[in-house]
Amino acid sequence: MNFPPVFVINLPESVDRRARITALLSPAGVVPIILPAKRGVAADLEGKGYAGWKRRLFYGRDLLAGEYGCARSQLAVYQYMVDNSIPQAVVLEDDALVDAAKLVNVLEALKNCTEKAGPFYGFI
């Protein structure tokens, strides 16, 4: 089966986590594309890109700095996909728990759905 690209978000210094997720994906024949994670710092929550008042209004609290870094990392993957004309992908963080056999089943099911119903977008 042709897999869509599998991206793994990973802080460059987290070599052990990168090795672990790569080993988990290997039995499925997946060689992930590793993209660098963005580290969140408290100053991020004071900048122009973060609307704390809106976050508090809808969710009752501000993001933690790490959560903000995580969100920025996800957005960077989507931008990479747009920049490289990648229509679909699997996006994982380096601490994901992956069962290679189940991943293959999920990807096959998504492929069958796409073939029968056309493209769709969502998150698993």
C-alpha atoms as a PDB file:
ATOM      1  CA  MET A   1       0.000   0.000   0.000  1.00  0.00           C
ATOM      2  CA  ASN A   2       1.186   3.497  -0.740  1.00  0.00           C
ATOM      3  CA  PHE A   3       1.210   5.417   2.499  1.00  0.00           C
ATOM      4  CA  PRO A   4       0.643   9.134   2.667  1.00  0.00           C
ATOM      5  CA  PRO A   5       3.652  10.899   4.172  1.00  0.00           C
ATOM      6  CA  VAL A   6       3.973  10.414   7.906  1.00  0.00           C
ATOM      7  CA  PHE A   7       5.334  13.440   9.723  1.00  0.00           C
ATOM      8  CA  VAL A   8       6.735  13.253  13.213  1.00  0.00           C
ATOM      9  CA  ILE A   9       7.140  16.456  15.213  1.00  0.00           C
ATOM     10  CA  ASN A  10      10.253  16.233  17.351  1.00  0.00           C
ATOM     11  CA  LEU A  11      12.498  18.634  19.261  1.00  0.00           C
ATOM     12  CA  PRO A  12      15.945  18.248  17.671  1.00  0.00           C
ATOM     13  CA  GLU A  13      17.591  17.464  21.020  1.00  0.00           C
ATOM     14  CA  SER A  14      15.105  14.648  21.779  1.00  0.00           C
ATOM     15  CA  VAL A  15      17.069  11.968  19.972  1.00  0.00           C
ATOM     16  CA  ASP A  16      15.718   9.133  22.140  1.00  0.00           C
ATOM     17  CA  ARG A  17      12.094  10.040  21.400  1.00  0.00           C
ATOM     18  CA  ARG A  18      12.854  10.296  17.681  1.00  0.00           C
ATOM     19  CA  ALA A  19      14.465   6.830  17.750  1.00  0.00           C
ATOM     20  CA  ARG A  20      11.517   5.344  19.670  1.00  0.00           C
ATOM     21  CA  ILE A  21       8.811   6.591  17.290  1.00  0.00           C
ATOM     22  CA  THR A  22      10.898   5.638  14.252  1.00  0.00           C
ATOM     23  CA  ALA A  23      11.256   2.099  15.650  1.00  0.00           C
ATOM     24  CA  LEU A  24       7.492   1.895  16.295  1.00  0.00           C
ATOM     25  CA  LEU A  25       6.698   2.895  12.692  1.00  0.00           C
ATOM     26  CA  SER A  26       9.326   0.670  11.081  1.00  0.00           C
ATOM     27  CA  PRO A  27       7.348  -2.620  11.166  1.00  0.00           C
ATOM     28  CA  ALA A  28       4.643  -0.938   9.064  1.00  0.00           C
ATOM     29  CA  GLY A  29       7.258   0.056   6.492  1.00  0.00           C
ATOM     30  CA  VAL A  30       6.887   3.712   7.389  1.00  0.00           C
ATOM     31  CA  VAL A  31       9.915   5.982   7.304  1.00  0.00           C
ATOM     32  CA  PRO A  32       8.691   9.213   8.884  1.00  0.00           C
ATOM     33  CA  ILE A  33       9.630  12.708   7.849  1.00  0.00           C
ATOM     34  CA  ILE A  34      10.935  14.341  11.010  1.00  0.00           C
ATOM     35  CA  LEU A  35      10.091  18.023  11.353  1.00  0.00           C
ATOM     36  CA  PRO A  36      11.492  20.142  14.167  1.00  0.00           C
ATOM     37  CA  ALA A  37       9.116  21.029  16.969  1.00  0.00           C
ATOM     38  CA  LYS A  38       8.749  24.593  18.174  1.00  0.00           C
ATOM     39  CA  ARG A  39       9.597  25.099  21.822  1.00  0.00           C
ATOM     40  CA  GLY A  40       7.040  27.223  23.632  1.00  0.00           C
ATOM     41  CA  VAL A  41       8.253  29.864  26.065  1.00  0.00           C
ATOM     42  CA  ALA A  42       6.306  32.186  28.348  1.00  0.00           C
ATOM     43  CA  ALA A  43       7.152  35.197  26.173  1.00  0.00           C
ATOM     44  CA  ASP A  44       5.169  33.611  23.309  1.00  0.00           C
ATOM     45  CA  LEU A  45       1.993  34.150  25.284  1.00  0.00           C
ATOM     46  CA  GLU A  46       2.648  37.879  25.438  1.00  0.00           C
ATOM     47  CA  GLY A  47       3.264  38.379  21.720  1.00  0.00           C
ATOM     48  CA  LYS A  48       1.045  39.363  18.815  1.00  0.00           C
ATOM     49  CA  GLY A  49       0.312  35.775  17.714  1.00  0.00           C
ATOM     50  CA  TYR A  50      -1.565  34.837  20.866  1.00  0.00           C
ATOM     51  CA  ALA A  51      -4.952  36.268  21.869  1.00  0.00           C
ATOM     52  CA  GLY A  52      -5.116  35.329  25.537  1.00  0.00           C
ATOM     53  CA  TRP A  53      -8.435  37.112  26.125  1.00  0.00           C
ATOM     54  CA  LYS A  54     -10.067  35.013  23.406  1.00  0.00           C
ATOM     55  CA  ARG A  55      -8.581  31.791  24.741  1.00  0.00           C
ATOM     56  CA  ARG A  56      -9.825  32.586  28.261  1.00  0.00           C
ATOM     57  CA  LEU A  57     -13.278  33.513  26.936  1.00  0.00           C
ATOM     58  CA  PHE A  58     -13.770  30.224  25.087  1.00  0.00           C
ATOM     59  CA  TYR A  59     -11.744  27.785  27.205  1.00  0.00           C
ATOM     60  CA  GLY A  60     -11.511  29.388  30.638  1.00  0.00           C
ATOM     61  CA  ARG A  61      -7.730  29.534  30.774  1.00  0.00           C
ATOM     62  CA  ASP A  62      -4.634  30.501  28.875  1.00  0.00           C
ATOM     63  CA  LEU A  63      -2.536  27.967  27.047  1.00  0.00           C
ATOM     64  CA  LEU A  64       0.591  26.789  28.782  1.00  0.00           C
ATOM     65  CA  ALA A  65       3.794  27.777  26.989  1.00  0.00           C
ATOM     66  CA  GLY A  66       4.385  24.152  25.977  1.00  0.00           C
ATOM     67  CA  GLU A  67       0.869  23.859  24.560  1.00  0.00           C
ATOM     68  CA  TYR A  68       1.451  26.982  22.502  1.00  0.00           C
ATOM     69  CA  GLY A  69       4.716  25.546  21.177  1.00  0.00           C
ATOM     70  CA  CYS A  70       2.873  22.351  20.289  1.00  0.00           C
ATOM     71  CA  ALA A  71       0.212  24.286  18.370  1.00  0.00           C
ATOM     72  CA  ARG A  72       2.877  26.244  16.498  1.00  0.00           C
ATOM     73  CA  SER A  73       4.582  22.950  15.618  1.00  0.00           C
ATOM     74  CA  GLN A  74       1.347  21.589  14.140  1.00  0.00           C
ATOM     75  CA  LEU A  75       0.871  24.762  12.101  1.00  0.00           C
ATOM     76  CA  ALA A  76       4.444  24.456  10.804  1.00  0.00           C
ATOM     77  CA  VAL A  77       3.646  20.956   9.505  1.00  0.00           C
ATOM     78  CA  TYR A  78       0.551  22.235   7.717  1.00  0.00           C
ATOM     79  CA  GLN A  79       2.572  25.061   6.194  1.00  0.00           C
ATOM     80  CA  TYR A  80       5.174  22.516   5.031  1.00  0.00           C
ATOM     81  CA  MET A  81       2.368  20.527   3.410  1.00  0.00           C
ATOM     82  CA  VAL A  82       1.030  23.612   1.629  1.00  0.00           C
ATOM     83  CA  ASP A  83       4.505  24.700   0.515  1.00  0.00           C
ATOM     84  CA  ASN A  84       5.235  21.216  -0.876  1.00  0.00           C
ATOM     85  CA  SER A  85       1.769  20.490  -2.348  1.00  0.00           C
ATOM     86  CA  ILE A  86       1.143  17.533  -0.041  1.00  0.00           C
ATOM     87  CA  PRO A  87      -2.637  16.970  -0.009  1.00  0.00           C
ATOM     88  CA  GLN A  88      -2.805  14.524   2.893  1.00  0.00           C
ATOM     89  CA  ALA A  89      -0.548  13.169   5.582  1.00  0.00           C
ATOM     90  CA  VAL A  90      -0.418  11.535   8.957  1.00  0.00           C
ATOM     91  CA  VAL A  91       0.948  13.868  11.630  1.00  0.00           C
ATOM     92  CA  LEU A  92       2.284  12.420  14.876  1.00  0.00           C
ATOM     93  CA  GLU A  93       4.159  13.802  17.809  1.00  0.00           C
ATOM     94  CA  ASP A  94       7.231  11.943  18.956  1.00  0.00           C
ATOM     95  CA  ASP A  95       5.478  10.599  22.063  1.00  0.00           C
ATOM     96  CA  ALA A  96       2.662   8.929  20.104  1.00  0.00           C
ATOM     97  CA  LEU A  97       1.896   5.322  20.930  1.00  0.00           C
ATOM     98  CA  VAL A  98       1.700   3.490  17.622  1.00  0.00           C
ATOM     99  CA  ASP A  99       0.766  -0.090  16.872  1.00  0.00           C
ATOM    100  CA  ALA A 100       2.220  -0.645  13.382  1.00  0.00           C
ATOM    101  CA  ALA A 101      -0.360  -3.285  12.400  1.00  0.00           C
ATOM    102  CA  LYS A 102      -3.271  -1.084  13.455  1.00  0.00           C
ATOM    103  CA  LEU A 103      -1.721   1.896  11.664  1.00  0.00           C
ATOM    104  CA  VAL A 104      -1.693  -0.097   8.427  1.00  0.00           C
ATOM    105  CA  ASN A 105      -5.369  -1.023   8.963  1.00  0.00           C
ATOM    106  CA  VAL A 106      -6.334   2.599   9.625  1.00  0.00           C
ATOM    107  CA  LEU A 107      -4.474   3.844   6.545  1.00  0.00           C
ATOM    108  CA  GLU A 108      -6.093   1.167   4.374  1.00  0.00           C
ATOM    109  CA  ALA A 109      -9.546   2.115   5.705  1.00  0.00           C
ATOM    110  CA  LEU A 110      -8.886   5.804   4.995  1.00  0.00           C
ATOM    111  CA  LYS A 111      -7.714   4.947   1.482  1.00  0.00           C
ATOM    112  CA  ASN A 112     -10.881   2.904   0.837  1.00  0.00           C
ATOM    113  CA  CYS A 113     -13.093   5.706   2.159  1.00  0.00           C
ATOM    114  CA  THR A 114     -11.305   8.274   0.013  1.00  0.00           C
ATOM    115  CA  GLU A 115     -11.637   6.091  -3.085  1.00  0.00           C
ATOM    116  CA  LYS A 116     -15.381   5.558  -2.498  1.00  0.00           C
ATOM    117  CA  ALA A 117     -16.431   8.953  -1.146  1.00  0.00           C
ATOM    118  CA  GLY A 118     -13.802  11.336  -2.456  1.00  0.00           C
ATOM    119  CA  PRO A 119     -11.342  13.385  -0.453  1.00  0.00           C
ATOM    120  CA  PHE A 120     -12.269  14.378   3.052  1.00  0.00           C
ATOM    121  CA  TYR A 121     -10.471  16.137   5.831  1.00  0.00           C
ATOM    122  CA  GLY A 122     -10.350  15.440   9.488  1.00  0.00           C
ATOM    123  CA  PHE A 123      -8.286  14.473  12.452  1.00  0.00           C
ATOM    124  CA  ILE A 124      -7.888  11.097  14.076  1.00  0.00           C
END
